[in-house]
Protein backbone atom coordinates (compact mmCIF):
# COMPACT_ATOMS: atom_id res chain seq x y z
CA MET A 1 0.54 -12.20 -0.03
CA ARG A 2 1.73 -8.64 0.39
CA LEU A 3 0.48 -6.62 3.35
CA ARG A 4 0.68 -2.84 3.75
CA LEU A 5 0.94 -1.66 7.37
CA ARG A 6 0.41 1.83 8.76
CA VAL A 7 2.58 2.17 11.84
CA ALA A 8 2.84 4.72 14.67
CA TYR A 9 5.54 4.88 17.31
CA ASP A 10 7.07 7.03 20.01
CA GLY A 11 10.72 7.12 19.01
CA THR A 12 12.01 8.05 22.46
CA GLY A 13 13.02 4.53 23.44
CA PHE A 14 14.34 3.39 20.05
CA SER A 15 17.69 3.58 18.30
CA GLY A 16 15.93 4.43 15.06
CA TRP A 17 13.99 2.26 12.62
CA ALA A 18 16.58 -0.12 11.19
CA VAL A 19 17.53 -3.35 12.95
CA GLN A 20 20.84 -3.04 14.82
CA PRO A 21 22.65 -5.66 16.90
CA ASP A 22 22.05 -5.30 20.62
CA ARG A 23 19.90 -2.18 20.17
CA ARG A 24 16.17 -1.68 20.50
CA THR A 25 14.80 -0.51 17.15
CA VAL A 26 11.33 -0.13 15.69
CA ALA A 27 11.93 -2.67 12.93
CA GLY A 28 13.35 -5.15 15.41
CA VAL A 29 10.39 -4.89 17.78
CA LEU A 30 7.84 -4.91 14.94
CA SER A 31 9.46 -7.89 13.18
CA ALA A 32 9.40 -9.90 16.40
CA ALA A 33 5.68 -9.18 16.87
CA LEU A 34 4.90 -10.03 13.24
CA ASP A 35 6.78 -13.31 13.50
CA ARG A 36 4.90 -14.16 16.66
CA VAL A 37 1.47 -13.47 15.19
CA LEU A 38 1.96 -14.36 11.52
CA GLY A 39 4.72 -16.92 11.64
CA SER A 40 7.11 -16.65 8.71
CA ALA A 41 7.04 -13.13 7.19
CA THR A 42 9.68 -11.70 4.89
CA GLY A 43 10.84 -8.49 3.31
CA LEU A 44 9.79 -5.86 5.86
CA THR A 45 10.30 -2.67 3.83
CA VAL A 46 9.66 0.83 5.16
CA ALA A 47 8.74 4.08 3.42
CA GLY A 48 11.53 5.95 5.18
CA ARG A 49 13.95 5.00 7.95
CA THR A 50 13.69 7.34 10.89
CA ASP A 51 16.63 8.22 13.12
CA ALA A 52 16.93 7.52 16.82
CA GLY A 53 14.40 9.54 18.78
CA VAL A 54 12.22 10.47 15.78
CA HIS A 55 8.51 9.63 16.01
CA ALA A 56 5.88 8.55 13.50
CA THR A 57 2.12 8.70 13.27
CA GLY A 58 1.89 7.71 9.60
CA GLN A 59 4.81 5.43 8.81
CA VAL A 60 4.13 2.82 6.11
CA CYS A 61 5.80 -0.53 5.50
CA HIS A 62 5.07 -3.73 3.62
CA LEU A 63 5.91 -7.39 4.02
CA ASP A 64 5.13 -10.71 2.35
CA VAL A 65 3.45 -13.61 4.12
CA PRO A 66 2.08 -16.97 2.98
CA GLU A 67 -1.67 -16.77 2.38
CA GLU A 68 -2.46 -19.61 4.78
CA GLN A 69 -0.69 -17.83 7.62
CA TRP A 70 -2.44 -14.55 6.79
CA ARG A 71 -5.83 -16.22 6.88
CA ARG A 72 -5.07 -17.92 10.18
CA ALA A 73 -3.79 -14.74 11.85
CA ALA A 74 -6.53 -12.46 10.53
CA THR A 75 -9.57 -14.69 10.99
CA ALA A 76 -11.55 -14.55 14.19
CA ARG A 77 -12.81 -17.76 15.77
CA ASP A 78 -15.87 -19.12 13.94
CA ALA A 79 -15.51 -16.44 11.21
CA GLY A 80 -15.31 -17.29 7.56
CA GLU A 81 -13.07 -14.68 5.98
CA PRO A 82 -9.97 -12.90 7.25
CA ASP A 83 -10.46 -9.41 8.65
CA PRO A 84 -7.48 -7.00 8.85
CA THR A 85 -8.91 -5.59 12.09
CA VAL A 86 -8.39 -8.98 13.74
CA LEU A 87 -4.70 -8.86 12.88
CA VAL A 88 -4.44 -5.26 14.15
CA ARG A 89 -5.90 -6.35 17.50
CA ARG A 90 -3.61 -9.36 17.76
CA LEU A 91 -0.55 -7.27 17.05
CA ALA A 92 -1.66 -4.76 19.69
CA GLY A 93 -1.67 -7.62 22.18
CA VAL A 94 2.01 -8.43 21.64
CA LEU A 95 3.54 -5.05 20.77
CA PRO A 96 4.95 -2.75 23.46
CA PRO A 97 2.93 0.41 24.17
CA ASP A 98 5.30 2.69 22.21
CA VAL A 99 4.55 0.96 18.87
CA ARG A 100 1.19 0.38 17.20
CA VAL A 101 0.13 -1.03 13.85
CA ARG A 102 -2.82 1.24 13.08
CA ALA A 103 -4.07 -0.51 9.93
CA VAL A 104 -3.37 -3.51 7.72
CA GLU A 105 -4.33 -3.79 4.06
CA VAL A 106 -3.82 -6.54 1.47
CA VAL A 107 -2.12 -5.18 -1.66
CA ASP A 108 -0.67 -6.78 -4.77
CA ASP A 109 3.04 -7.25 -5.17
CA ARG A 110 3.46 -4.15 -7.34
CA PHE A 111 3.31 -2.06 -4.18
CA ASP A 112 6.58 -1.06 -2.56
CA ALA A 113 6.41 1.01 0.62
CA ARG A 114 9.61 2.85 -0.24
CA PHE A 115 9.70 3.20 -4.01
CA SER A 116 5.97 3.54 -4.76
CA ALA A 117 5.73 6.66 -2.54
CA PHE A 118 5.61 10.04 -4.23
CA ARG A 119 5.49 12.34 -1.17
CA ARG A 120 6.42 12.25 2.50
CA HIS A 121 5.21 14.65 5.20
CA TYR A 122 6.99 15.57 8.43
CA ALA A 123 6.20 17.97 11.27
CA TYR A 124 8.69 19.48 13.71
CA ARG A 125 7.38 21.01 16.94
CA VAL A 126 9.28 23.66 18.90
CA THR A 127 8.33 26.16 21.59
CA ASP A 128 10.14 29.25 22.89
CA ASP A 129 7.94 29.39 25.98
CA PRO A 130 10.26 30.19 28.92
CA ALA A 131 8.59 27.36 30.84
CA GLY A 132 9.49 24.87 28.12
CA PRO A 133 7.20 22.31 26.47
CA SER A 134 3.96 21.18 28.08
CA PRO A 135 4.66 18.15 30.30
CA LEU A 136 2.35 16.02 28.14
CA ARG A 137 4.27 17.00 24.97
CA ARG A 138 7.81 16.95 26.31
CA TYR A 139 8.79 13.96 24.21
CA ASP A 140 7.71 15.44 20.85
CA THR A 141 8.33 19.18 21.30
CA LEU A 142 11.69 20.93 21.45
CA GLY A 143 12.14 23.69 24.01
CA TRP A 144 14.12 26.62 22.54
CA PRO A 145 16.02 28.90 24.94
CA ARG A 146 15.63 32.13 22.91
CA PRO A 147 12.59 33.95 21.46
CA LEU A 148 11.73 32.89 17.90
CA ASP A 149 10.45 35.15 15.12
CA ALA A 150 7.94 32.97 13.25
CA ALA A 151 7.53 35.50 10.42
CA ALA A 152 11.29 35.57 9.75
CA MET A 153 11.40 31.78 9.77
CA ALA A 154 8.49 31.60 7.31
CA ALA A 155 10.19 34.09 4.99
CA ALA A 156 13.42 32.06 5.08
CA ALA A 157 11.46 28.87 4.39
CA ARG A 158 10.00 30.25 1.17
CA GLY A 159 13.48 30.58 -0.32
CA LEU A 160 14.04 26.84 0.01
CA LEU A 161 10.97 25.63 -1.87
CA GLY A 162 11.29 23.83 -5.19
CA GLU A 163 13.77 21.40 -6.68
CA HIS A 164 17.35 21.99 -5.57
CA ASP A 165 20.51 20.18 -4.67
CA PHE A 166 20.21 20.04 -0.87
CA ALA A 167 23.78 18.81 -0.38
CA ALA A 168 24.35 21.49 2.28
CA TYR A 169 21.53 19.99 4.34
CA CYS A 170 22.24 16.28 3.86
CA ARG A 171 24.55 13.59 5.09
CA ARG A 172 25.77 12.40 1.73
CA LYS A 173 25.78 8.69 0.90
CA PRO A 174 28.03 7.23 -1.81
CA ASP A 175 26.44 7.21 -5.29
CA ALA A 176 23.20 8.80 -4.00
CA THR A 177 21.71 12.06 -5.25
CA THR A 178 20.97 14.96 -2.94
CA ILE A 179 18.58 16.60 -5.42
CA ARG A 180 15.10 16.81 -3.93
CA GLU A 181 11.86 18.67 -4.63
CA LEU A 182 10.79 20.51 -1.49
CA GLN A 183 7.05 20.97 -1.95
CA ARG A 184 6.10 22.46 1.41
CA LEU A 185 7.98 24.23 4.16
CA ASP A 186 5.54 26.14 6.35
CA VAL A 187 6.02 27.63 9.79
CA LEU A 188 2.74 27.48 11.73
CA ASP A 189 2.24 29.29 15.03
CA ALA A 190 -0.48 28.08 17.40
CA ASP A 191 -0.82 28.17 21.18
CA GLY A 192 2.83 29.01 21.75
CA VAL A 193 4.15 26.15 19.62
CA LEU A 194 5.75 26.54 16.20
CA THR A 195 5.22 23.61 13.85
CA VAL A 196 7.47 23.38 10.82
CA ALA A 197 5.48 21.36 8.25
CA VAL A 198 7.72 19.80 5.60
CA SER A 199 6.73 17.83 2.48
CA ALA A 200 8.90 16.54 -0.36
CA ASP A 201 9.10 13.75 -2.89
CA ALA A 202 11.80 12.25 -0.67
CA PHE A 203 14.39 13.31 1.90
CA CYS A 204 18.05 12.48 2.29
CA GLN A 205 19.50 11.66 5.69
CA ALA A 206 19.22 14.44 8.30
CA MET A 207 17.67 16.81 5.72
CA VAL A 208 14.52 17.77 7.65
CA ARG A 209 16.31 18.36 10.94
CA SER A 210 19.00 20.37 9.14
CA LEU A 211 16.37 22.56 7.47
CA VAL A 212 14.75 23.13 10.85
CA GLY A 213 18.14 23.92 12.37
CA ALA A 214 18.73 26.60 9.72
CA LEU A 215 15.29 28.12 10.30
CA LEU A 216 15.85 28.22 14.05
CA ALA A 217 19.08 30.16 13.46
CA VAL A 218 17.04 32.72 11.52
CA GLY A 219 14.23 32.71 14.05
CA ASP A 220 16.43 33.62 17.00
CA GLY A 221 18.36 36.27 15.05
CA ARG A 222 21.70 34.53 14.61
CA ARG A 223 21.35 34.42 10.80
CA PRO A 224 19.67 36.67 8.19
CA VAL A 225 16.52 35.59 6.38
CA ASP A 226 18.32 34.86 3.11
CA TRP A 227 20.99 32.67 4.70
CA PRO A 228 19.27 29.24 4.40
CA ALA A 229 18.63 29.72 0.66
CA SER A 230 22.19 30.91 0.09
CA LEU A 231 23.47 27.49 1.15
CA LEU A 232 21.80 25.82 -1.83
CA SER A 233 24.84 26.72 -3.93
CA ARG A 234 26.98 24.38 -1.82
CA THR A 235 27.96 20.96 -3.11
CA GLU A 236 28.96 19.59 0.30
CA ARG A 237 27.44 19.44 3.75
CA ALA A 238 27.42 22.90 5.42
CA SER A 239 29.17 22.48 8.76
CA GLU A 240 27.63 25.69 10.12
CA VAL A 241 24.11 24.21 9.91
CA THR A 242 23.13 22.69 13.24
CA VAL A 243 20.98 19.56 13.05
CA ALA A 244 17.91 20.07 15.25
CA PRO A 245 17.40 17.46 18.01
CA PRO A 246 15.45 14.38 16.88
CA HIS A 247 12.61 14.34 19.42
CA GLY A 248 10.76 17.30 17.88
CA LEU A 249 10.33 15.47 14.56
CA THR A 250 7.41 13.24 13.53
CA LEU A 251 6.73 11.46 10.23
CA VAL A 252 3.03 12.17 9.79
CA ALA A 253 2.11 10.71 6.39
CA VAL A 254 3.32 9.05 3.20
CA ASP A 255 1.44 9.50 -0.09
CA TYR A 256 1.00 6.86 -2.78
CA PRO A 257 -0.85 6.72 -6.10
CA THR A 258 -4.42 5.55 -5.60
CA ASP A 259 -4.35 3.43 -8.76
CA PRO A 260 -2.38 0.18 -8.25
CA ASP A 261 -1.39 0.28 -11.91
CA GLU A 262 0.71 3.36 -11.09
CA TRP A 263 2.69 1.67 -8.30
CA ALA A 264 5.14 -0.12 -10.60
CA ALA A 265 5.62 2.97 -12.77
CA ARG A 266 6.33 5.08 -9.71
CA ASP A 267 8.71 2.43 -8.41
CA ALA A 268 10.74 2.46 -11.64
CA ALA A 269 10.84 6.27 -11.80
CA THR A 270 11.97 6.58 -8.19
CA ARG A 271 14.74 4.00 -8.59
CA ARG A 272 16.05 5.77 -11.70
CA ARG A 273 16.17 9.07 -9.87
CA ARG A 274 17.83 7.67 -6.75
CA ASP A 275 20.53 6.13 -8.93
CA GLY A 276 21.02 9.33 -10.96
């Protein structure tokens, strides 16, 4: 059986999502908990790997598990049918406090957490308050040492929207495209905190934090408003773009087609584009 999991985590204590030898990672901790509760589970696949220090409130992953083990792990004592809520509670009992499986859903095997997705949403929090971030938000909000002009940042952001080659903002991987459709890049100002809300069909490595880094350079007056868009003509990584620190970034949601019949079609289309 294939299970879809919605996962939240505080990335502060993790060396990113992917399993790494001798390092604490989200996938490593989650896989250990799943093995403990479900027994044999295979193919843990994530919508998008997050870097060290990056958080998530709406990460999505899937895995396959034998039906008998699913029924045993998700069925309460003296109950007849499995209940995903039972599995959520059992996982909460073995996971550390900085990771939570928020929901579990049975899906058919056409669903792929990575390739069936058609949109991903991130939020980056930063404050220019001289006192720095609120103590309760210090792990997910960047403190900026200079005043930021939110209107200038928003104007710069508008020049980046649409489908472009974002090579200047990406860490290129061999044989992978850096063409992406940036669907949202808003700068929201509330209670002394700027939130950069970013949505796209997909992101290449370090893209969101690089976009934020470029906007911060505009916001504090080091670069003109049209500078971030001017970099879209580049075919290589722009060394003058500073990658914003990871702890301000949170993956907040991943969107999928509601019709299961569309999952396989989306999967095929995404794979073709990634290989193009």
